[in-house]
C-alpha atoms as a PDB file:
ATOM      1  CA  UNK A   1      21.663  45.033  24.636  1.00  0.00           C
ATOM      2  CA  UNK A   2      18.873  43.312  23.206  1.00  0.00           C
ATOM      3  CA  UNK A   3      19.544  41.377  20.072  1.00  0.00           C
ATOM      4  CA  UNK A   4      17.798  40.841  16.827  1.00  0.00           C
ATOM      5  CA  UNK A   5      17.058  37.414  17.759  1.00  0.00           C
ATOM      6  CA  UNK A   6      15.666  38.549  21.511  1.00  0.00           C
ATOM      7  CA  UNK A   7      13.449  41.136  19.668  1.00  0.00           C
ATOM      8  CA  UNK A   8      12.118  38.578  17.309  1.00  0.00           C
ATOM      9  CA  UNK A   9      11.317  35.788  20.179  1.00  0.00           C
ATOM     10  CA  UNK A  10       9.742  38.414  21.961  1.00  0.00           C
ATOM     11  CA  UNK A  11       7.240  39.359  19.054  1.00  0.00           C
ATOM     12  CA  UNK A  12       6.750  35.387  18.891  1.00  0.00           C
ATOM     13  CA  UNK A  13       5.922  35.051  22.553  1.00  0.00           C
ATOM     14  CA  UNK A  14       3.197  37.928  22.117  1.00  0.00           C
ATOM     15  CA  UNK A  15       1.929  36.414  18.949  1.00  0.00           C
ATOM     16  CA  UNK A  16       1.576  33.006  20.990  1.00  0.00           C
ATOM     17  CA  UNK A  17       0.141  34.601  24.236  1.00  0.00           C
ATOM     18  CA  UNK A  18      -2.708  36.639  21.952  1.00  0.00           C
ATOM     19  CA  UNK A  19      -3.362  33.740  19.565  1.00  0.00           C
ATOM     20  CA  UNK A  20      -7.340  33.063  19.227  1.00  0.00           C
ATOM     21  CA  UNK A  21      -8.424  30.526  21.942  1.00  0.00           C
ATOM     22  CA  UNK A  22     -11.909  29.755  22.078  1.00  0.00           C
ATOM     23  CA  UNK A  23     -14.179  27.763  24.752  1.00  0.00           C
ATOM     24  CA  UNK A  24     -14.682  28.058  28.206  1.00  0.00           C
ATOM     25  CA  UNK A  25     -11.958  28.021  31.320  1.00  0.00           C
ATOM     26  CA  UNK A  26      -9.130  29.518  29.356  1.00  0.00           C
ATOM     27  CA  UNK A  27      -6.654  31.377  31.074  1.00  0.00           C
ATOM     28  CA  UNK A  28      -5.841  34.780  30.144  1.00  0.00           C
ATOM     29  CA  UNK A  29      -3.318  35.431  27.696  1.00  0.00           C
ATOM     30  CA  UNK A  30       0.172  36.852  28.994  1.00  0.00           C
ATOM     31  CA  UNK A  31       2.226  39.059  27.257  1.00  0.00           C
ATOM     32  CA  UNK A  32       5.631  40.952  27.851  1.00  0.00           C
ATOM     33  CA  UNK A  33       8.999  39.561  27.777  1.00  0.00           C
ATOM     34  CA  UNK A  34       9.371  35.827  26.316  1.00  0.00           C
ATOM     35  CA  UNK A  35       8.683  33.179  28.881  1.00  0.00           C
ATOM     36  CA  UNK A  36      12.036  31.207  29.194  1.00  0.00           C
ATOM     37  CA  UNK A  37      10.500  27.695  27.865  1.00  0.00           C
ATOM     38  CA  UNK A  38       8.850  29.318  24.902  1.00  0.00           C
ATOM     39  CA  UNK A  39      12.130  30.870  24.209  1.00  0.00           C
ATOM     40  CA  UNK A  40      13.556  27.593  23.968  1.00  0.00           C
ATOM     41  CA  UNK A  41      11.059  25.918  21.947  1.00  0.00           C
ATOM     42  CA  UNK A  42      11.311  28.944  19.367  1.00  0.00           C
ATOM     43  CA  UNK A  43      15.277  28.524  19.228  1.00  0.00           C
ATOM     44  CA  UNK A  44      14.888  24.714  18.717  1.00  0.00           C
ATOM     45  CA  UNK A  45      12.105  24.742  16.303  1.00  0.00           C
ATOM     46  CA  UNK A  46      12.916  23.895  12.646  1.00  0.00           C
ATOM     47  CA  UNK A  47      13.475  27.293  10.869  1.00  0.00           C
ATOM     48  CA  UNK A  48      12.129  25.879   7.773  1.00  0.00           C
ATOM     49  CA  UNK A  49       9.787  22.977   7.143  1.00  0.00           C
ATOM     50  CA  UNK A  50      10.886  19.677   5.293  1.00  0.00           C
ATOM     51  CA  UNK A  51       8.811  20.614   2.473  1.00  0.00           C
ATOM     52  CA  UNK A  52       8.182  24.327   1.721  1.00  0.00           C
ATOM     53  CA  UNK A  53       4.647  25.544   1.477  1.00  0.00           C
ATOM     54  CA  UNK A  54       3.058  28.191  -0.726  1.00  0.00           C
ATOM     55  CA  UNK A  55       0.856  29.347   2.108  1.00  0.00           C
ATOM     56  CA  UNK A  56       0.733  28.162   5.545  1.00  0.00           C
ATOM     57  CA  UNK A  57      -1.863  25.511   6.397  1.00  0.00           C
ATOM     58  CA  UNK A  58      -4.484  26.206   8.895  1.00  0.00           C
ATOM     59  CA  UNK A  59      -4.530  23.991  12.088  1.00  0.00           C
ATOM     60  CA  UNK A  60      -7.411  23.529  14.651  1.00  0.00           C
ATOM     61  CA  UNK A  61      -5.739  22.292  18.068  1.00  0.00           C
ATOM     62  CA  UNK A  62      -8.383  21.199  20.470  1.00  0.00           C
ATOM     63  CA  UNK A  63      -7.211  21.012  23.590  1.00  0.00           C
ATOM     64  CA  UNK A  64     -10.232  19.896  26.339  1.00  0.00           C
ATOM     65  CA  UNK A  65      -9.946  17.293  28.603  1.00  0.00           C
ATOM     66  CA  UNK A  66     -13.069  16.255  30.820  1.00  0.00           C
ATOM     67  CA  UNK A  67     -10.970  13.288  32.445  1.00  0.00           C
ATOM     68  CA  UNK A  68      -7.340  13.121  33.325  1.00  0.00           C
ATOM     69  CA  UNK A  69      -5.766  16.656  33.141  1.00  0.00           C
ATOM     70  CA  UNK A  70      -2.184  16.411  31.458  1.00  0.00           C
ATOM     71  CA  UNK A  71      -0.209  19.275  32.870  1.00  0.00           C
ATOM     72  CA  UNK A  72       1.642  18.965  29.517  1.00  0.00           C
ATOM     73  CA  UNK A  73      -1.612  20.381  27.639  1.00  0.00           C
ATOM     74  CA  UNK A  74      -0.908  24.229  27.468  1.00  0.00           C
ATOM     75  CA  UNK A  75       2.488  23.525  26.449  1.00  0.00           C
ATOM     76  CA  UNK A  76       1.443  21.436  23.584  1.00  0.00           C
ATOM     77  CA  UNK A  77      -0.440  24.270  22.872  1.00  0.00           C
ATOM     78  CA  UNK A  78       2.450  26.355  22.994  1.00  0.00           C
ATOM     79  CA  UNK A  79       4.627  23.936  20.874  1.00  0.00           C
ATOM     80  CA  UNK A  80       2.010  24.028  18.122  1.00  0.00           C
ATOM     81  CA  UNK A  81       1.961  27.861  17.947  1.00  0.00           C
ATOM     82  CA  UNK A  82       5.402  28.137  17.979  1.00  0.00           C
ATOM     83  CA  UNK A  83       6.628  25.849  15.279  1.00  0.00           C
ATOM     84  CA  UNK A  84       4.053  27.086  13.112  1.00  0.00           C
ATOM     85  CA  UNK A  85       5.238  30.384  13.359  1.00  0.00           C
ATOM     86  CA  UNK A  86       8.992  29.637  13.413  1.00  0.00           C
ATOM     87  CA  UNK A  87       8.730  27.149  10.441  1.00  0.00           C
ATOM     88  CA  UNK A  88       5.969  28.974   8.362  1.00  0.00           C
ATOM     89  CA  UNK A  89       4.603  25.778   7.754  1.00  0.00           C
ATOM     90  CA  UNK A  90       1.113  26.655   9.341  1.00  0.00           C
ATOM     91  CA  UNK A  91      -1.014  28.710  11.481  1.00  0.00           C
ATOM     92  CA  UNK A  92      -2.608  27.175  14.627  1.00  0.00           C
ATOM     93  CA  UNK A  93      -6.081  28.124  16.223  1.00  0.00           C
ATOM     94  CA  UNK A  94      -6.349  26.743  19.638  1.00  0.00           C
ATOM     95  CA  UNK A  95      -9.696  25.775  20.904  1.00  0.00           C
ATOM     96  CA  UNK A  96     -11.725  24.046  23.869  1.00  0.00           C
ATOM     97  CA  UNK A  97     -14.891  24.256  22.166  1.00  0.00           C
ATOM     98  CA  UNK A  98     -16.815  21.101  20.787  1.00  0.00           C
ATOM     99  CA  UNK A  99     -18.906  23.319  18.765  1.00  0.00           C
ATOM    100  CA  UNK A 100     -15.626  23.804  16.434  1.00  0.00           C
ATOM    101  CA  UNK A 101     -16.070  19.821  15.520  1.00  0.00           C
ATOM    102  CA  UNK A 102     -19.329  21.027  13.486  1.00  0.00           C
ATOM    103  CA  UNK A 103     -18.526  20.536   9.841  1.00  0.00           C
ATOM    104  CA  UNK A 104     -19.361  24.165   8.860  1.00  0.00           C
ATOM    105  CA  UNK A 105     -16.360  25.251  11.224  1.00  0.00           C
ATOM    106  CA  UNK A 106     -14.068  22.176  10.851  1.00  0.00           C
ATOM    107  CA  UNK A 107     -13.930  22.920   7.062  1.00  0.00           C
ATOM    108  CA  UNK A 108     -12.226  25.915   7.230  1.00  0.00           C
ATOM    109  CA  UNK A 109      -9.066  24.040   8.458  1.00  0.00           C
ATOM    110  CA  UNK A 110      -6.537  21.622   6.624  1.00  0.00           C
ATOM    111  CA  UNK A 111      -5.596  19.180   9.958  1.00  0.00           C
ATOM    112  CA  UNK A 112      -7.305  18.492  13.579  1.00  0.00           C
ATOM    113  CA  UNK A 113      -5.028  18.179  16.135  1.00  0.00           C
ATOM    114  CA  UNK A 114      -6.350  16.398  19.225  1.00  0.00           C
ATOM    115  CA  UNK A 115      -4.321  17.406  22.211  1.00  0.00           C
ATOM    116  CA  UNK A 116      -4.611  15.142  25.276  1.00  0.00           C
ATOM    117  CA  UNK A 117      -8.398  15.010  24.922  1.00  0.00           C
ATOM    118  CA  UNK A 118      -8.976  12.588  27.547  1.00  0.00           C
ATOM    119  CA  UNK A 119     -12.157  11.791  28.823  1.00  0.00           C
ATOM    120  CA  UNK A 120     -14.182  10.294  31.999  1.00  0.00           C
ATOM    121  CA  UNK A 121     -14.022   6.677  32.332  1.00  0.00           C
ATOM    122  CA  UNK A 122     -15.293   3.969  31.921  1.00  0.00           C
ATOM    123  CA  UNK A 123     -17.751   5.641  29.489  1.00  0.00           C
ATOM    124  CA  UNK A 124     -14.948   7.542  27.875  1.00  0.00           C
ATOM    125  CA  UNK A 125     -17.037   9.741  25.663  1.00  0.00           C
ATOM    126  CA  UNK A 126     -15.821  13.436  26.029  1.00  0.00           C
ATOM    127  CA  UNK A 127     -18.488  14.801  23.547  1.00  0.00           C
ATOM    128  CA  UNK A 128     -21.275  13.508  26.103  1.00  0.00           C
ATOM    129  CA  UNK A 129     -19.001  14.602  29.130  1.00  0.00           C
ATOM    130  CA  UNK A 130     -19.282  18.259  27.799  1.00  0.00           C
ATOM    131  CA  UNK A 131     -23.061  18.011  26.622  1.00  0.00           C
ATOM    132  CA  UNK A 132     -23.999  16.773  29.977  1.00  0.00           C
ATOM    133  CA  UNK A 133     -21.978  19.288  32.108  1.00  0.00           C
ATOM    134  CA  UNK A 134     -21.949  22.582  29.915  1.00  0.00           C
ATOM    135  CA  UNK A 135     -24.590  25.245  30.885  1.00  0.00           C
ATOM    136  CA  UNK A 136     -24.863  25.994  27.011  1.00  0.00           C
ATOM    137  CA  UNK A 137     -26.270  22.401  26.615  1.00  0.00           C
ATOM    138  CA  UNK A 138     -28.578  22.328  29.565  1.00  0.00           C
ATOM    139  CA  UNK A 139     -31.918  22.506  27.605  1.00  0.00           C
ATOM    140  CA  UNK A 140     -30.919  19.492  25.521  1.00  0.00           C
ATOM    141  CA  UNK A 141     -32.744  16.186  26.516  1.00  0.00           C
ATOM    142  CA  UNK A 142     -30.723  12.788  26.641  1.00  0.00           C
ATOM    143  CA  UNK A 143     -31.751  11.819  23.358  1.00  0.00           C
ATOM    144  CA  UNK A 144     -30.803  15.267  21.771  1.00  0.00           C
ATOM    145  CA  UNK A 145     -27.532  15.020  23.733  1.00  0.00           C
ATOM    146  CA  UNK A 146     -27.125  11.661  22.090  1.00  0.00           C
ATOM    147  CA  UNK A 147     -27.903  12.868  18.671  1.00  0.00           C
ATOM    148  CA  UNK A 148     -25.682  16.039  18.976  1.00  0.00           C
ATOM    149  CA  UNK A 149     -22.679  13.822  20.359  1.00  0.00           C
ATOM    150  CA  UNK A 150     -22.929  11.221  17.293  1.00  0.00           C
ATOM    151  CA  UNK A 151     -23.373  14.098  14.751  1.00  0.00           C
ATOM    152  CA  UNK A 152     -20.007  15.729  16.150  1.00  0.00           C
ATOM    153  CA  UNK A 153     -18.115  12.658  15.648  1.00  0.00           C
ATOM    154  CA  UNK A 154     -19.342  12.029  12.422  1.00  0.00           C
ATOM    155  CA  UNK A 155     -18.338  15.192  11.306  1.00  0.00           C
ATOM    156  CA  UNK A 156     -14.744  14.699  12.650  1.00  0.00           C
ATOM    157  CA  UNK A 157     -14.855  11.243  10.801  1.00  0.00           C
ATOM    158  CA  UNK A 158     -15.994  12.889   7.451  1.00  0.00           C
ATOM    159  CA  UNK A 159     -13.407  15.527   8.004  1.00  0.00           C
ATOM    160  CA  UNK A 160     -10.645  13.298   7.716  1.00  0.00           C
ATOM    161  CA  UNK A 161     -12.350  10.875   5.680  1.00  0.00           C
ATOM    162  CA  UNK A 162     -12.834  13.188   2.515  1.00  0.00           C
ATOM    163  CA  UNK A 163      -9.344  14.346   2.604  1.00  0.00           C
ATOM    164  CA  UNK A 164      -8.137  16.133   5.613  1.00  0.00           C
ATOM    165  CA  UNK A 165      -5.789  15.707   8.404  1.00  0.00           C
ATOM    166  CA  UNK A 166      -5.408  14.485  12.141  1.00  0.00           C
ATOM    167  CA  UNK A 167      -2.695  14.653  14.586  1.00  0.00           C
ATOM    168  CA  UNK A 168      -3.555  12.548  17.744  1.00  0.00           C
ATOM    169  CA  UNK A 169      -1.006  13.626  20.678  1.00  0.00           C
ATOM    170  CA  UNK A 170      -0.479  11.301  23.615  1.00  0.00           C
ATOM    171  CA  UNK A 171      -3.607  10.663  25.525  1.00  0.00           C
ATOM    172  CA  UNK A 172      -6.093  11.935  22.763  1.00  0.00           C
ATOM    173  CA  UNK A 173      -7.362   8.378  21.721  1.00  0.00           C
ATOM    174  CA  UNK A 174      -9.594   8.488  24.675  1.00  0.00           C
ATOM    175  CA  UNK A 175     -11.546  11.593  23.533  1.00  0.00           C
ATOM    176  CA  UNK A 176     -14.191   8.378  22.033  1.00  0.00           C
ATOM    177  CA  UNK A 177     -11.979   5.596  23.400  1.00  0.00           C
ATOM    178  CA  UNK A 178     -14.989   3.182  23.295  1.00  0.00           C
ATOM    179  CA  UNK A 179     -16.126   4.578  19.561  1.00  0.00           C
ATOM    180  CA  UNK A 180     -15.280   1.457  17.157  1.00  0.00           C
ATOM    181  CA  UNK A 181     -15.194   4.133  14.182  1.00  0.00           C
ATOM    182  CA  UNK A 182     -12.952   6.592  15.971  1.00  0.00           C
ATOM    183  CA  UNK A 183     -10.368   4.217  17.441  1.00  0.00           C
ATOM    184  CA  UNK A 184     -10.338   2.551  14.023  1.00  0.00           C
ATOM    185  CA  UNK A 185      -9.328   5.916  12.566  1.00  0.00           C
ATOM    186  CA  UNK A 186      -7.058   6.551  15.235  1.00  0.00           C
ATOM    187  CA  UNK A 187      -5.171   3.040  14.958  1.00  0.00           C
ATOM    188  CA  UNK A 188      -6.014   2.359  18.941  1.00  0.00           C
ATOM    189  CA  UNK A 189      -7.987   2.631  21.939  1.00  0.00           C
ATOM    190  CA  UNK A 190      -6.138   3.270  25.078  1.00  0.00           C
ATOM    191  CA  UNK A 191      -5.633   0.496  27.410  1.00  0.00           C
ATOM    192  CA  UNK A 192      -3.275   1.537  30.413  1.00  0.00           C
ATOM    193  CA  UNK A 193       0.433   2.501  31.076  1.00  0.00           C
ATOM    194  CA  UNK A 194       3.029   1.641  33.390  1.00  0.00           C
ATOM    195  CA  UNK A 195       4.121   4.463  36.008  1.00  0.00           C
ATOM    196  CA  UNK A 196       6.059   7.573  34.237  1.00  0.00           C
ATOM    197  CA  UNK A 197       9.545   6.573  33.682  1.00  0.00           C
ATOM    198  CA  UNK A 198      12.689   7.316  31.131  1.00  0.00           C
ATOM    199  CA  UNK A 199      11.968   5.114  27.888  1.00  0.00           C
ATOM    200  CA  UNK A 200      14.173   4.393  24.958  1.00  0.00           C
ATOM    201  CA  UNK A 201      12.390   4.684  21.594  1.00  0.00           C
ATOM    202  CA  UNK A 202      13.921   3.419  18.558  1.00  0.00           C
ATOM    203  CA  UNK A 203      12.723   4.303  14.798  1.00  0.00           C
ATOM    204  CA  UNK A 204      11.043   1.158  13.188  1.00  0.00           C
ATOM    205  CA  UNK A 205      12.467   2.119   9.843  1.00  0.00           C
ATOM    206  CA  UNK A 206      15.469   4.466  10.076  1.00  0.00           C
ATOM    207  CA  UNK A 207      15.159   5.138   6.125  1.00  0.00           C
ATOM    208  CA  UNK A 208      11.445   6.149   6.385  1.00  0.00           C
ATOM    209  CA  UNK A 209      11.304   9.895   5.676  1.00  0.00           C
ATOM    210  CA  UNK A 210       9.325  10.440   8.869  1.00  0.00           C
ATOM    211  CA  UNK A 211      12.264   9.183  10.650  1.00  0.00           C
ATOM    212  CA  UNK A 212      14.593  11.452   9.316  1.00  0.00           C
ATOM    213  CA  UNK A 213      14.292  13.763  12.301  1.00  0.00           C
ATOM    214  CA  UNK A 214      16.027  11.222  14.418  1.00  0.00           C
ATOM    215  CA  UNK A 215      19.210  11.816  11.935  1.00  0.00           C
ATOM    216  CA  UNK A 216      20.261   7.974  12.091  1.00  0.00           C
ATOM    217  CA  UNK A 217      20.629   7.803  15.943  1.00  0.00           C
ATOM    218  CA  UNK A 218      19.778   4.349  17.260  1.00  0.00           C
ATOM    219  CA  UNK A 219      17.528   5.588  20.046  1.00  0.00           C
ATOM    220  CA  UNK A 220      15.793   8.808  21.584  1.00  0.00           C
ATOM    221  CA  UNK A 221      15.441   8.464  25.326  1.00  0.00           C
ATOM    222  CA  UNK A 222      13.105  10.637  27.426  1.00  0.00           C
ATOM    223  CA  UNK A 223      10.733  10.443  30.487  1.00  0.00           C
ATOM    224  CA  UNK A 224       7.163   9.420  29.471  1.00  0.00           C
ATOM    225  CA  UNK A 225       4.367   7.275  30.076  1.00  0.00           C
ATOM    226  CA  UNK A 226       4.409   4.290  28.109  1.00  0.00           C
ATOM    227  CA  UNK A 227       1.212   3.727  26.651  1.00  0.00           C
ATOM    228  CA  UNK A 228      -0.401  -0.051  25.847  1.00  0.00           C
ATOM    229  CA  UNK A 229      -3.179   0.123  23.649  1.00  0.00           C
ATOM    230  CA  UNK A 230      -6.090  -2.331  22.812  1.00  0.00           C
ATOM    231  CA  UNK A 231      -9.071  -2.583  20.127  1.00  0.00           C
ATOM    232  CA  UNK A 232      -7.962  -1.767  16.634  1.00  0.00           C
ATOM    233  CA  UNK A 233      -4.256  -1.851  17.705  1.00  0.00           C
ATOM    234  CA  UNK A 234      -4.124  -5.454  17.796  1.00  0.00           C
ATOM    235  CA  UNK A 235      -4.345  -5.394  13.973  1.00  0.00           C
ATOM    236  CA  UNK A 236      -1.420  -2.774  13.649  1.00  0.00           C
ATOM    237  CA  UNK A 237      -3.158  -1.290  10.662  1.00  0.00           C
ATOM    238  CA  UNK A 238      -0.703   1.048  10.360  1.00  0.00           C
ATOM    239  CA  UNK A 239       2.747   2.293   9.643  1.00  0.00           C
ATOM    240  CA  UNK A 240       4.786   2.288  12.621  1.00  0.00           C
ATOM    241  CA  UNK A 241       7.270   4.987  13.271  1.00  0.00           C
ATOM    242  CA  UNK A 242       8.567   4.591  16.780  1.00  0.00           C
ATOM    243  CA  UNK A 243       8.748   1.775  19.000  1.00  0.00           C
ATOM    244  CA  UNK A 244       9.421   1.467  22.994  1.00  0.00           C
ATOM    245  CA  UNK A 245      12.279  -0.911  23.967  1.00  0.00           C
ATOM    246  CA  UNK A 246       9.908  -3.049  26.047  1.00  0.00           C
ATOM    247  CA  UNK A 247      12.817  -4.870  27.916  1.00  0.00           C
ATOM    248  CA  UNK A 248      13.710  -2.126  30.214  1.00  0.00           C
ATOM    249  CA  UNK A 249      10.052  -0.667  30.961  1.00  0.00           C
ATOM    250  CA  UNK A 250       8.905  -1.366  34.440  1.00  0.00           C
ATOM    251  CA  UNK A 251       5.483  -2.508  34.595  1.00  0.00           C
ATOM    252  CA  UNK A 252       3.877  -3.700  37.935  1.00  0.00           C
ATOM    253  CA  UNK A 253       1.109  -5.745  35.697  1.00  0.00           C
ATOM    254  CA  UNK A 254       3.987  -7.346  33.813  1.00  0.00           C
ATOM    255  CA  UNK A 255       2.264  -7.061  30.543  1.00  0.00           C
ATOM    256  CA  UNK A 256       4.205  -4.750  28.809  1.00  0.00           C
ATOM    257  CA  UNK A 257       6.753  -6.800  27.161  1.00  0.00           C
ATOM    258  CA  UNK A 258       4.003  -9.325  25.680  1.00  0.00           C
ATOM    259  CA  UNK A 259       3.451  -6.959  22.718  1.00  0.00           C
ATOM    260  CA  UNK A 260       5.438  -4.727  20.309  1.00  0.00           C
ATOM    261  CA  UNK A 261       4.608  -1.364  21.936  1.00  0.00           C
ATOM    262  CA  UNK A 262       4.552   1.328  19.162  1.00  0.00           C
ATOM    263  CA  UNK A 263       4.235   4.971  20.285  1.00  0.00           C
ATOM    264  CA  UNK A 264       4.005   6.668  16.848  1.00  0.00           C
ATOM    265  CA  UNK A 265       2.504   5.685  13.654  1.00  0.00           C
ATOM    266  CA  UNK A 266       1.090   7.362  10.295  1.00  0.00           C
ATOM    267  CA  UNK A 267      -2.140   5.972   8.363  1.00  0.00           C
ATOM    268  CA  UNK A 268      -4.420   6.584   5.732  1.00  0.00           C
ATOM    269  CA  UNK A 269      -7.938   7.042   6.302  1.00  0.00           C
ATOM    270  CA  UNK A 270     -10.280   7.484   3.310  1.00  0.00           C
ATOM    271  CA  UNK A 271      -8.962  10.139   1.554  1.00  0.00           C
ATOM    272  CA  UNK A 272      -7.225  11.468   4.637  1.00  0.00           C
ATOM    273  CA  UNK A 273      -4.180  11.051   6.695  1.00  0.00           C
ATOM    274  CA  UNK A 274      -3.691  10.477  10.456  1.00  0.00           C
ATOM    275  CA  UNK A 275      -0.417  10.886  12.427  1.00  0.00           C
ATOM    276  CA  UNK A 276      -0.364   9.385  16.117  1.00  0.00           C
ATOM    277  CA  UNK A 277       2.495  10.611  18.301  1.00  0.00           C
ATOM    278  CA  UNK A 278       2.528   9.478  21.803  1.00  0.00           C
ATOM    279  CA  UNK A 279       5.526  11.506  23.115  1.00  0.00           C
ATOM    280  CA  UNK A 280       4.930  13.186  25.453  1.00  0.00           C
ATOM    281  CA  UNK A 281       3.451  13.411  28.733  1.00  0.00           C
ATOM    282  CA  UNK A 282       6.209  16.043  29.955  1.00  0.00           C
ATOM    283  CA  UNK A 283       6.952  19.224  28.555  1.00  0.00           C
ATOM    284  CA  UNK A 284      10.622  18.694  28.672  1.00  0.00           C
ATOM    285  CA  UNK A 285      10.647  16.329  26.071  1.00  0.00           C
ATOM    286  CA  UNK A 286       9.341  18.865  23.364  1.00  0.00           C
ATOM    287  CA  UNK A 287      12.751  20.930  24.169  1.00  0.00           C
ATOM    288  CA  UNK A 288      14.240  18.271  21.738  1.00  0.00           C
ATOM    289  CA  UNK A 289      14.847  19.616  18.569  1.00  0.00           C
ATOM    290  CA  UNK A 290      14.533  15.793  17.402  1.00  0.00           C
ATOM    291  CA  UNK A 291      10.979  15.734  18.538  1.00  0.00           C
ATOM    292  CA  UNK A 292      10.113  19.121  17.283  1.00  0.00           C
ATOM    293  CA  UNK A 293      11.229  18.072  13.842  1.00  0.00           C
ATOM    294  CA  UNK A 294       9.336  14.787  14.097  1.00  0.00           C
ATOM    295  CA  UNK A 295       6.225  16.227  15.008  1.00  0.00           C
ATOM    296  CA  UNK A 296       6.654  19.094  12.156  1.00  0.00           C
ATOM    297  CA  UNK A 297       7.174  16.356   9.556  1.00  0.00           C
ATOM    298  CA  UNK A 298       4.281  14.437  11.053  1.00  0.00           C
ATOM    299  CA  UNK A 299       1.937  17.475  10.512  1.00  0.00           C
ATOM    300  CA  UNK A 300       3.184  17.952   7.101  1.00  0.00           C
ATOM    301  CA  UNK A 301       2.287  14.434   6.412  1.00  0.00           C
ATOM    302  CA  UNK A 302      -1.298  14.825   7.882  1.00  0.00           C
ATOM    303  CA  UNK A 303      -1.793  18.187   5.799  1.00  0.00           C
ATOM    304  CA  UNK A 304      -1.219  16.135   2.569  1.00  0.00           C
ATOM    305  CA  UNK A 305       2.212  17.995   2.283  1.00  0.00           C
ATOM    306  CA  UNK A 306       4.672  15.466   2.876  1.00  0.00           C
ATOM    307  CA  UNK A 307       3.609  12.280   0.911  1.00  0.00           C
ATOM    308  CA  UNK A 308       5.509   9.373   2.060  1.00  0.00           C
ATOM    309  CA  UNK A 309       4.758   5.480   2.177  1.00  0.00           C
ATOM    310  CA  UNK A 310       2.016   4.891   4.824  1.00  0.00           C
ATOM    311  CA  UNK A 311       0.904   1.451   3.836  1.00  0.00           C
ATOM    312  CA  UNK A 312       0.577  -1.309   6.356  1.00  0.00           C
ATOM    313  CA  UNK A 313       4.032  -2.989   7.083  1.00  0.00           C
END
């Protein structure tokens, strides 16, 4: 016999499946009985946010990669849809369309989420990747493509600088990895990572409000790509939240333990806020109630609903 909870999760799954998705190359929506993984996320997601809101925030999740295609991308989309619906803290709109970075479209949202937006190396400019290969822009000259790419980049920067939020997930810094302004906003540019492996994360400040999801536990162990960063990262101009225990990381390049390796942080940018969360490369990590709560708290910080100390340590 189906329980009330089963029926609720069925409705939630249909909501997730039919949520608005724009842009090319999007898989068709599914419907019917809840996918077991989506059901697990719904069961483990926070039922109420840390900060209750009068109206759900509007979140735009951009989930296009032109370079490395993380298999977890559609799962991260589902996580944002489910966590928003279960907690009531926000509504997530999923897109693959760079036109949604235009100022007149972005202004409808409170937070922009970049979901593993990896670009093609070594140029590392997803905007130009799309403008050069999407048939919608075939009539543009090289100069026009360059101008449009920089206009869209400026729109992203201004969106955050003027008071909105940015959430960057895992491989997303490579969206514009060689842009000084973009990587300065995020706090880092991607350098490399050792092979995927079991890593141990520790909270940098156990008493910080955004560490509350870890409930005072000394470590969070999961499988991931342990990222190394460059560029603005050397200044560490952010408030670190999570760090990798470097001693146990297997790195053929032998460089991993040369520096502290933060894997999540927050930082102000102009009047806005940035939350970077590298965990995780694998969908299994998102099954953890701890990580789901941490993600929701970070989203609420980026939205301006959860004020906390984001000064440089």
